[in-house]
């Protein structure tokens, strides 16, 4: 059975752990969107792996790893990840496939990202300065786009880079007063990337169709979360790609009809990094308690995450647009010890109650949460392995999440380790 795993919040939901667990049952894991701005943390045998571009299946020695065409590929960061994993004994000789159609993040994209954010000041979007937005902008603009396939034609690539950087330098100087970038330096970097990564470059869409036709099980791994989706998220405080399950097909070349299982990942509460509306945010002692207990600091940036109660309106919307038919609820253990818990099933907006998520940032800023309150539990959940052995109040909380989102819960995370997971039998 093929499966697509995506986050249903603003990212950082715990997708990496879920994918790592499910990868044991799959032959291929595919990243289909985003770039090195996404961070996945996987813990195996007490070793922590922070992955940004490499699919989470990388730590499974018999799992093929695919970088799909929808990813904006940062070869500098990817090589560091690849070499770091190889130093730990992982081999990728016959199990790594990088799409020739993936667009490439280069040094001038990162500079452009940083300069633009600095110039925007208090109006900045809150990017990770990894060059993701500028790379996607070049992809859409086409004229200045560099794809992985271009590494195969060094002379043509050199001409292309000279033209691109000549234009970019004019903008950097005139608009931002920045020093120019040396095109030869960028070209030489690309030559290095090509030599080290060339053997992995291929037509990944062809590979995936053949894998599925031969009966292999494929797992599609999303990055970030549906509420950051360029088209369906809280615009403009979103990422530059389709981070919901809707991005799977365009980012891999595989239609949704080939995938039976769409699993959405949520935390038992809600977090957000950077700017943007966040109705259930608790900018108080409750939020700080969740942040400290859940270690809520960004994998990619180290920034403290904003924390709040579970937003059922947002999660229900994200599940609906993505065709989600299962939920994985992570970090349930973080809520242990809190006397009272809250879930938001609806908003009050301009005097009217609504249970549909308004993606317009202005509307969302004005939304007031209507809460349902639940009794907490004091028991430590970190070693609980069976759903029936959870505290009654924890089970009531999970059942409320199912009722409010309209999606059954199949997995519950009770800690960072691979084995700290509960499978909920829904009959």
Protein backbone atom coordinates (compact mmCIF):
# COMPACT_ATOMS: atom_id res chain seq x y z
CA UNK A 1 0.00 0.00 0.00
CA UNK A 2 1.45 3.37 -1.04
CA UNK A 3 1.26 6.16 1.52
CA UNK A 4 1.61 9.95 1.61
CA UNK A 5 2.60 11.62 4.90
CA UNK A 6 2.12 15.36 5.33
CA UNK A 7 1.85 17.79 8.22
CA UNK A 8 -1.51 19.39 8.96
CA UNK A 9 -0.25 22.36 10.96
CA UNK A 10 2.54 24.93 10.41
CA UNK A 11 5.28 22.31 10.17
CA UNK A 12 7.39 20.64 12.87
CA UNK A 13 4.63 18.13 13.61
CA UNK A 14 6.88 15.07 13.88
CA UNK A 15 6.65 13.82 10.29
CA UNK A 16 10.23 12.56 10.29
CA UNK A 17 9.57 10.01 13.01
CA UNK A 18 6.33 8.85 11.38
CA UNK A 19 8.04 8.43 8.01
CA UNK A 20 10.95 6.60 9.62
CA UNK A 21 8.55 4.12 11.25
CA UNK A 22 6.50 3.61 8.08
CA UNK A 23 9.64 3.30 5.94
CA UNK A 24 10.24 -0.09 7.53
CA UNK A 25 7.21 -1.35 5.57
CA UNK A 26 8.15 0.47 2.33
CA UNK A 27 10.72 0.06 -0.41
CA UNK A 28 11.02 3.71 -1.48
CA UNK A 29 10.74 7.07 0.32
CA UNK A 30 10.20 10.23 -1.74
CA UNK A 31 10.65 13.91 -0.82
CA UNK A 32 8.33 15.83 -3.14
CA UNK A 33 8.36 19.49 -2.04
CA UNK A 34 10.27 22.16 -0.19
CA UNK A 35 13.98 22.42 0.38
CA UNK A 36 16.58 22.71 3.11
CA UNK A 37 14.25 25.02 5.06
CA UNK A 38 12.48 21.89 6.28
CA UNK A 39 13.93 19.94 9.20
CA UNK A 40 13.21 16.33 10.12
CA UNK A 41 14.61 14.79 13.30
CA UNK A 42 14.95 11.01 13.57
CA UNK A 43 16.37 9.18 16.60
CA UNK A 44 17.77 5.69 16.02
CA UNK A 45 19.68 3.71 18.68
CA UNK A 46 20.01 6.89 20.75
CA UNK A 47 21.60 8.66 17.77
CA UNK A 48 19.94 11.88 16.62
CA UNK A 49 19.78 12.58 12.89
CA UNK A 50 18.70 16.08 11.80
CA UNK A 51 17.82 15.83 8.11
CA UNK A 52 16.91 18.77 5.88
CA UNK A 53 16.90 17.40 2.34
CA UNK A 54 17.59 13.70 2.62
CA UNK A 55 14.36 11.67 2.94
CA UNK A 56 13.85 10.28 6.44
CA UNK A 57 14.13 6.77 5.00
CA UNK A 58 17.88 7.39 4.68
CA UNK A 59 18.51 5.77 8.06
CA UNK A 60 16.92 2.53 6.80
CA UNK A 61 19.77 0.78 4.98
CA UNK A 62 17.51 -1.09 2.56
CA UNK A 63 15.19 1.82 1.65
CA UNK A 64 15.57 3.73 -1.63
CA UNK A 65 15.60 7.52 -1.25
CA UNK A 66 14.22 9.83 -3.94
CA UNK A 67 14.51 13.61 -4.25
CA UNK A 68 11.51 14.50 -6.42
CA UNK A 69 11.18 17.18 -9.06
CA UNK A 70 9.17 19.42 -6.71
CA UNK A 71 12.10 19.89 -4.33
CA UNK A 72 14.38 22.90 -4.60
CA UNK A 73 17.70 21.15 -4.23
CA UNK A 74 20.56 22.73 -2.28
CA UNK A 75 23.60 20.64 -3.30
CA UNK A 76 25.87 22.20 -0.68
CA UNK A 77 23.63 21.23 2.23
CA UNK A 78 22.72 17.89 0.67
CA UNK A 79 26.37 16.88 0.28
CA UNK A 80 27.02 17.65 3.95
CA UNK A 81 24.08 15.44 4.93
CA UNK A 82 25.13 12.68 2.55
CA UNK A 83 28.74 12.67 3.73
CA UNK A 84 27.65 12.83 7.38
CA UNK A 85 25.45 9.77 6.95
CA UNK A 86 28.18 7.92 5.04
CA UNK A 87 30.59 8.60 7.91
CA UNK A 88 28.10 6.88 10.21
CA UNK A 89 28.17 3.78 8.01
CA UNK A 90 25.20 4.34 5.70
CA UNK A 91 25.69 3.52 2.03
CA UNK A 92 23.72 5.09 -0.82
CA UNK A 93 25.46 3.49 -3.80
CA UNK A 94 22.32 1.95 -5.27
CA UNK A 95 19.51 3.59 -3.32
CA UNK A 96 19.70 7.35 -3.93
CA UNK A 97 17.89 8.99 -6.85
CA UNK A 98 17.88 12.77 -7.50
CA UNK A 99 15.43 14.21 -10.02
CA UNK A 100 17.01 15.79 -13.05
CA UNK A 101 14.06 18.21 -13.06
CA UNK A 102 14.59 19.50 -9.52
CA UNK A 103 15.60 23.16 -9.41
CA UNK A 104 18.88 24.11 -7.75
CA UNK A 105 19.41 26.53 -4.85
CA UNK A 106 22.72 28.37 -5.28
CA UNK A 107 24.61 30.96 -3.24
CA UNK A 108 23.00 33.95 -4.95
CA UNK A 109 19.54 32.69 -3.96
CA UNK A 110 20.57 32.70 -0.29
CA UNK A 111 22.04 36.19 -0.59
CA UNK A 112 18.88 37.44 -2.29
CA UNK A 113 16.75 35.89 0.45
CA UNK A 114 18.78 37.52 3.21
CA UNK A 115 18.94 40.95 1.55
CA UNK A 116 15.21 41.02 0.88
CA UNK A 117 14.29 40.01 4.44
CA UNK A 118 16.61 42.66 5.88
CA UNK A 119 15.15 45.32 3.60
CA UNK A 120 11.59 44.43 4.61
CA UNK A 121 12.38 45.04 8.28
CA UNK A 122 9.30 44.68 10.47
CA UNK A 123 7.28 43.60 7.42
CA UNK A 124 9.44 40.55 6.74
CA UNK A 125 7.80 37.20 6.05
CA UNK A 126 10.13 35.29 8.40
CA UNK A 127 12.04 33.05 5.99
CA UNK A 128 14.92 30.77 6.99
CA UNK A 129 17.27 32.63 4.58
CA UNK A 130 17.99 29.33 2.82
CA UNK A 131 17.22 30.76 -0.64
CA UNK A 132 14.02 28.78 -1.06
CA UNK A 133 11.72 31.61 -2.15
CA UNK A 134 14.17 33.15 -4.65
CA UNK A 135 14.83 29.71 -6.17
CA UNK A 136 11.11 29.01 -6.60
CA UNK A 137 10.73 32.53 -8.06
CA UNK A 138 13.41 31.75 -10.64
CA UNK A 139 11.66 28.46 -11.38
CA UNK A 140 8.39 30.26 -12.11
CA UNK A 141 10.19 33.01 -14.06
CA UNK A 142 12.01 30.30 -16.10
CA UNK A 143 14.68 32.58 -17.64
CA UNK A 144 17.02 32.33 -14.63
CA UNK A 145 16.20 28.77 -13.57
CA UNK A 146 18.96 26.20 -13.01
CA UNK A 147 17.94 22.55 -12.81
CA UNK A 148 19.90 19.52 -11.68
CA UNK A 149 19.96 18.36 -15.33
CA UNK A 150 22.08 21.43 -16.17
CA UNK A 151 25.00 19.88 -14.27
CA UNK A 152 25.37 17.48 -17.21
CA UNK A 153 26.19 20.31 -19.66
CA UNK A 154 29.03 22.31 -18.08
CA UNK A 155 29.63 24.74 -20.96
CA UNK A 156 25.95 25.61 -21.26
CA UNK A 157 25.72 25.92 -17.49
CA UNK A 158 28.65 28.34 -17.43
CA UNK A 159 26.96 30.59 -20.00
CA UNK A 160 23.69 30.43 -18.12
CA UNK A 161 25.31 31.31 -14.78
CA UNK A 162 27.18 34.25 -16.31
CA UNK A 163 23.92 35.70 -17.65
CA UNK A 164 22.01 35.06 -14.43
CA UNK A 165 24.65 36.47 -12.10
CA UNK A 166 25.29 39.52 -14.30
CA UNK A 167 21.64 40.46 -13.84
CA UNK A 168 21.49 39.48 -10.16
CA UNK A 169 24.58 41.56 -9.36
CA UNK A 170 22.98 44.64 -10.90
CA UNK A 171 19.97 44.16 -8.64
CA UNK A 172 22.07 43.43 -5.54
CA UNK A 173 24.13 46.58 -6.11
CA UNK A 174 21.38 49.00 -7.17
CA UNK A 175 18.66 47.91 -4.75
CA UNK A 176 20.59 46.67 -1.72
CA UNK A 177 24.09 48.15 -2.10
CA UNK A 178 25.56 44.66 -1.82
CA UNK A 179 28.88 43.37 -3.12
CA UNK A 180 28.75 41.39 -6.39
CA UNK A 181 28.94 37.59 -6.58
CA UNK A 182 31.70 35.98 -8.67
CA UNK A 183 30.09 33.80 -11.38
CA UNK A 184 33.24 31.71 -11.75
CA UNK A 185 33.11 30.79 -8.07
CA UNK A 186 29.49 29.65 -8.42
CA UNK A 187 30.35 27.67 -11.55
CA UNK A 188 33.27 25.89 -9.87
CA UNK A 189 30.98 24.96 -6.98
CA UNK A 190 28.54 23.46 -9.48
CA UNK A 191 31.36 21.45 -11.02
CA UNK A 192 32.15 20.01 -7.60
CA UNK A 193 28.50 19.17 -7.01
CA UNK A 194 28.25 17.52 -10.42
CA UNK A 195 31.26 15.29 -9.84
CA UNK A 196 30.01 14.11 -6.45
CA UNK A 197 26.31 13.79 -7.24
CA UNK A 198 26.21 13.03 -10.96
CA UNK A 199 25.80 9.28 -10.49
CA UNK A 200 22.56 9.81 -8.55
CA UNK A 201 20.83 12.08 -11.10
CA UNK A 202 18.03 10.46 -13.10
CA UNK A 203 14.43 10.65 -14.28
CA UNK A 204 12.79 9.97 -10.93
CA UNK A 205 9.24 10.04 -12.33
CA UNK A 206 10.13 7.12 -14.60
CA UNK A 207 11.81 5.34 -11.68
CA UNK A 208 8.75 5.76 -9.44
CA UNK A 209 6.23 4.60 -12.04
CA UNK A 210 8.34 1.50 -12.68
CA UNK A 211 8.72 0.87 -8.94
CA UNK A 212 4.95 1.03 -8.38
CA UNK A 213 4.24 -1.12 -11.45
CA UNK A 214 6.60 -3.78 -10.08
CA UNK A 215 4.73 -3.90 -6.77
CA UNK A 216 7.10 -1.86 -4.64
CA UNK A 217 5.61 0.12 -1.77
CA UNK A 218 6.29 3.84 -2.00
CA UNK A 219 6.11 6.39 0.82
CA UNK A 220 5.75 10.07 -0.10
CA UNK A 221 7.20 12.43 2.52
CA UNK A 222 5.93 15.98 2.75
CA UNK A 223 7.88 18.91 4.17
CA UNK A 224 6.63 21.65 6.51
CA UNK A 225 2.83 21.67 6.83
CA UNK A 226 -0.43 22.27 4.99
CA UNK A 227 -1.02 25.64 6.67
CA UNK A 228 2.22 26.83 5.02
CA UNK A 229 1.05 25.71 1.57
CA UNK A 230 1.60 28.46 -1.01
CA UNK A 231 -1.95 28.24 -2.37
CA UNK A 232 -3.93 26.94 0.60
CA UNK A 233 -2.03 28.26 3.62
CA UNK A 234 -2.08 31.51 5.61
CA UNK A 235 -0.78 33.69 2.78
CA UNK A 236 1.54 35.62 2.73
CA UNK A 237 2.98 33.88 5.80
CA UNK A 238 3.57 30.66 3.89
CA UNK A 239 6.35 28.79 2.15
CA UNK A 240 7.00 28.89 -1.60
CA UNK A 241 5.78 25.38 -2.40
CA UNK A 242 2.68 23.22 -2.08
CA UNK A 243 3.36 21.75 1.35
CA UNK A 244 0.00 19.99 1.63
CA UNK A 245 -0.77 16.54 0.24
CA UNK A 246 -1.92 18.33 -2.92
CA UNK A 247 1.76 18.88 -3.79
CA UNK A 248 2.52 15.16 -3.94
CA UNK A 249 1.49 14.62 -7.56
CA UNK A 250 3.13 17.71 -9.04
CA UNK A 251 6.28 17.15 -6.97
CA UNK A 252 6.75 13.50 -7.91
CA UNK A 253 4.83 12.79 -11.11
CA UNK A 254 2.69 10.16 -9.40
CA UNK A 255 -1.11 10.67 -9.43
CA UNK A 256 -3.09 10.48 -6.18
CA UNK A 257 -4.99 7.49 -7.59
CA UNK A 258 -1.83 5.44 -7.03
CA UNK A 259 -1.85 6.22 -3.29
CA UNK A 260 -4.29 4.55 -0.90
CA UNK A 261 -3.22 5.98 2.43
CA UNK A 262 -3.04 9.72 3.16
CA UNK A 263 -1.74 10.16 6.70
CA UNK A 264 -1.79 13.60 8.30
CA UNK A 265 0.56 14.38 11.18
CA UNK A 266 -0.37 16.77 13.98
CA UNK A 267 0.98 17.59 17.39
CA UNK A 268 -1.36 17.20 20.33
CA UNK A 269 -1.09 21.00 20.54
CA UNK A 270 -0.12 23.61 17.93
CA UNK A 271 3.15 25.39 17.16
CA UNK A 272 4.34 27.95 14.66
CA UNK A 273 7.73 29.46 13.80
CA UNK A 274 8.07 33.03 12.58
CA UNK A 275 5.45 35.58 11.64
CA UNK A 276 1.78 35.09 10.87
CA UNK A 277 -1.60 34.73 12.60
CA UNK A 278 -1.97 31.96 15.19
CA UNK A 279 -5.44 31.97 16.84
CA UNK A 280 -4.76 29.44 19.62
CA UNK A 281 -1.33 30.85 20.57
CA UNK A 282 -0.61 31.03 24.30
CA UNK A 283 1.93 33.82 24.71
CA UNK A 284 2.05 33.18 28.44
CA UNK A 285 3.18 30.63 31.04
CA UNK A 286 1.13 27.88 29.37
CA UNK A 287 2.90 28.46 26.06
CA UNK A 288 6.29 28.52 27.75
CA UNK A 289 5.51 25.29 29.62
CA UNK A 290 4.63 23.53 26.35
CA UNK A 291 7.76 24.95 24.71
CA UNK A 292 10.03 23.71 27.49
CA UNK A 293 8.42 20.28 27.86
CA UNK A 294 8.23 19.71 24.10
CA UNK A 295 11.68 21.17 23.35
CA UNK A 296 10.01 23.42 20.82
CA UNK A 297 12.96 24.95 19.01
CA UNK A 298 13.44 24.75 15.24
CA UNK A 299 15.53 21.92 13.74
CA UNK A 300 16.68 24.19 10.92
CA UNK A 301 16.94 27.60 12.63
CA UNK A 302 17.00 26.92 16.38
CA UNK A 303 14.31 29.58 16.74
CA UNK A 304 11.85 29.12 19.64
CA UNK A 305 8.48 28.00 18.33
CA UNK A 306 5.31 29.80 19.27
CA UNK A 307 3.05 27.39 21.17
CA UNK A 308 -0.67 27.10 21.78
CA UNK A 309 -3.67 24.81 22.16
CA UNK A 310 -4.74 22.36 19.47
CA UNK A 311 -6.51 24.22 16.67
CA UNK A 312 -9.23 21.85 15.48
CA UNK A 313 -10.51 24.31 12.89
CA UNK A 314 -7.13 24.48 11.17
CA UNK A 315 -6.47 20.74 11.39
CA UNK A 316 -9.92 19.86 10.04
CA UNK A 317 -9.38 22.22 7.08
CA UNK A 318 -5.91 20.82 6.35
CA UNK A 319 -7.24 17.27 6.47
CA UNK A 320 -10.10 18.15 4.13
CA UNK A 321 -7.98 19.74 1.39
CA UNK A 322 -5.44 16.91 1.53
CA UNK A 323 -7.90 14.02 1.45
CA UNK A 324 -6.46 12.78 4.74
CA UNK A 325 -7.88 9.45 5.94
CA UNK A 326 -5.65 8.84 9.00
CA UNK A 327 -4.11 10.96 11.75
CA UNK A 328 -0.86 10.54 13.63
CA UNK A 329 -0.97 12.57 16.86
CA UNK A 330 2.53 13.33 18.11
CA UNK A 331 3.87 14.76 21.39
CA UNK A 332 0.94 13.55 23.50
CA UNK A 333 3.48 12.99 26.29
CA UNK A 334 4.28 16.72 26.36
CA UNK A 335 0.82 17.48 27.77
CA UNK A 336 1.25 15.18 30.80
CA UNK A 337 1.09 17.06 34.08
CA UNK A 338 -1.16 19.87 32.86
CA UNK A 339 -4.35 20.09 34.91
CA UNK A 340 -6.47 21.45 32.09
CA UNK A 341 -6.26 21.14 28.30
CA UNK A 342 -8.13 22.97 25.56
CA UNK A 343 -9.09 22.27 21.96
CA UNK A 344 -10.53 24.87 19.59
CA UNK A 345 -13.36 23.39 17.44
CA UNK A 346 -14.62 26.74 16.08
CA UNK A 347 -13.94 30.48 15.84
CA UNK A 348 -15.98 33.60 16.39
CA UNK A 349 -15.38 35.86 13.39
CA UNK A 350 -17.12 39.22 13.12
CA UNK A 351 -19.77 38.11 15.59
CA UNK A 352 -20.54 34.78 13.91
CA UNK A 353 -19.38 31.30 14.87
CA UNK A 354 -17.62 29.36 12.11
CA UNK A 355 -15.90 26.00 11.95
CA UNK A 356 -14.25 26.66 8.58
CA UNK A 357 -10.68 27.93 8.51
CA UNK A 358 -10.26 31.42 6.97
CA UNK A 359 -6.86 31.43 5.25
CA UNK A 360 -6.91 35.21 4.79
CA UNK A 361 -4.39 36.57 7.28
CA UNK A 362 -6.59 39.52 8.24
CA UNK A 363 -9.59 37.32 8.96
CA UNK A 364 -7.47 34.90 10.95
CA UNK A 365 -6.01 37.73 13.04
CA UNK A 366 -9.55 38.74 14.04
CA UNK A 367 -10.73 35.22 14.79
CA UNK A 368 -11.49 34.47 18.44
CA UNK A 369 -11.26 30.88 19.62
CA UNK A 370 -14.18 28.95 21.04
CA UNK A 371 -12.70 26.28 23.32
CA UNK A 372 -13.68 22.91 24.67
CA UNK A 373 -11.94 22.18 27.97
CA UNK A 374 -10.66 18.76 29.06
CA UNK A 375 -9.20 17.42 32.29
CA UNK A 376 -5.51 16.57 32.01
CA UNK A 377 -3.52 13.64 33.37
CA UNK A 378 -0.43 13.32 35.52
CA UNK A 379 0.89 9.94 34.34
CA UNK A 380 4.10 9.68 32.31
CA UNK A 381 3.24 8.30 28.86
CA UNK A 382 6.78 7.72 27.57
CA UNK A 383 6.73 3.93 27.98
CA UNK A 384 3.05 3.23 27.29
CA UNK A 385 2.78 0.88 24.30
CA UNK A 386 -0.95 0.12 24.07
CA UNK A 387 -3.85 2.50 23.58
CA UNK A 388 -5.98 0.85 26.27
CA UNK A 389 -3.24 1.49 28.83
CA UNK A 390 -3.34 5.25 28.33
CA UNK A 391 -4.94 7.28 31.15
CA UNK A 392 -8.68 7.70 30.63
CA UNK A 393 -8.31 11.46 30.22
CA UNK A 394 -5.66 10.98 27.54
CA UNK A 395 -8.01 8.66 25.64
CA UNK A 396 -10.83 11.18 25.95
CA UNK A 397 -8.50 13.83 24.51
CA UNK A 398 -7.57 11.62 21.53
CA UNK A 399 -11.22 10.77 20.90
CA UNK A 400 -12.06 14.49 20.95
CA UNK A 401 -9.40 15.11 18.30
CA UNK A 402 -11.02 12.44 16.13
CA UNK A 403 -14.48 13.94 16.61
CA UNK A 404 -13.39 17.51 15.89
CA UNK A 405 -11.18 16.77 12.87
CA UNK A 406 -13.42 14.05 11.45
CA UNK A 407 -10.42 11.77 10.89
CA UNK A 408 -9.53 8.59 12.78
CA UNK A 409 -6.29 8.47 14.77
CA UNK A 410 -4.06 5.51 13.91
CA UNK A 411 -0.75 6.47 15.57
CA UNK A 412 0.11 8.31 18.80
CA UNK A 413 3.60 9.57 19.62
CA UNK A 414 4.74 9.42 23.25
CA UNK A 415 8.38 10.49 22.91
CA UNK A 416 11.18 11.11 20.39
CA UNK A 417 12.42 7.52 20.05
CA UNK A 418 11.34 5.27 17.19
CA UNK A 419 9.73 2.80 19.64
CA UNK A 420 7.73 5.46 21.50
CA UNK A 421 4.60 5.02 19.42
CA UNK A 422 1.12 3.62 20.09
CA UNK A 423 -0.99 2.08 17.33
CA UNK A 424 -4.69 2.72 17.82
CA UNK A 425 -6.94 -0.08 16.59
CA UNK A 426 -9.99 1.52 15.05
CA UNK A 427 -11.69 -1.75 14.19
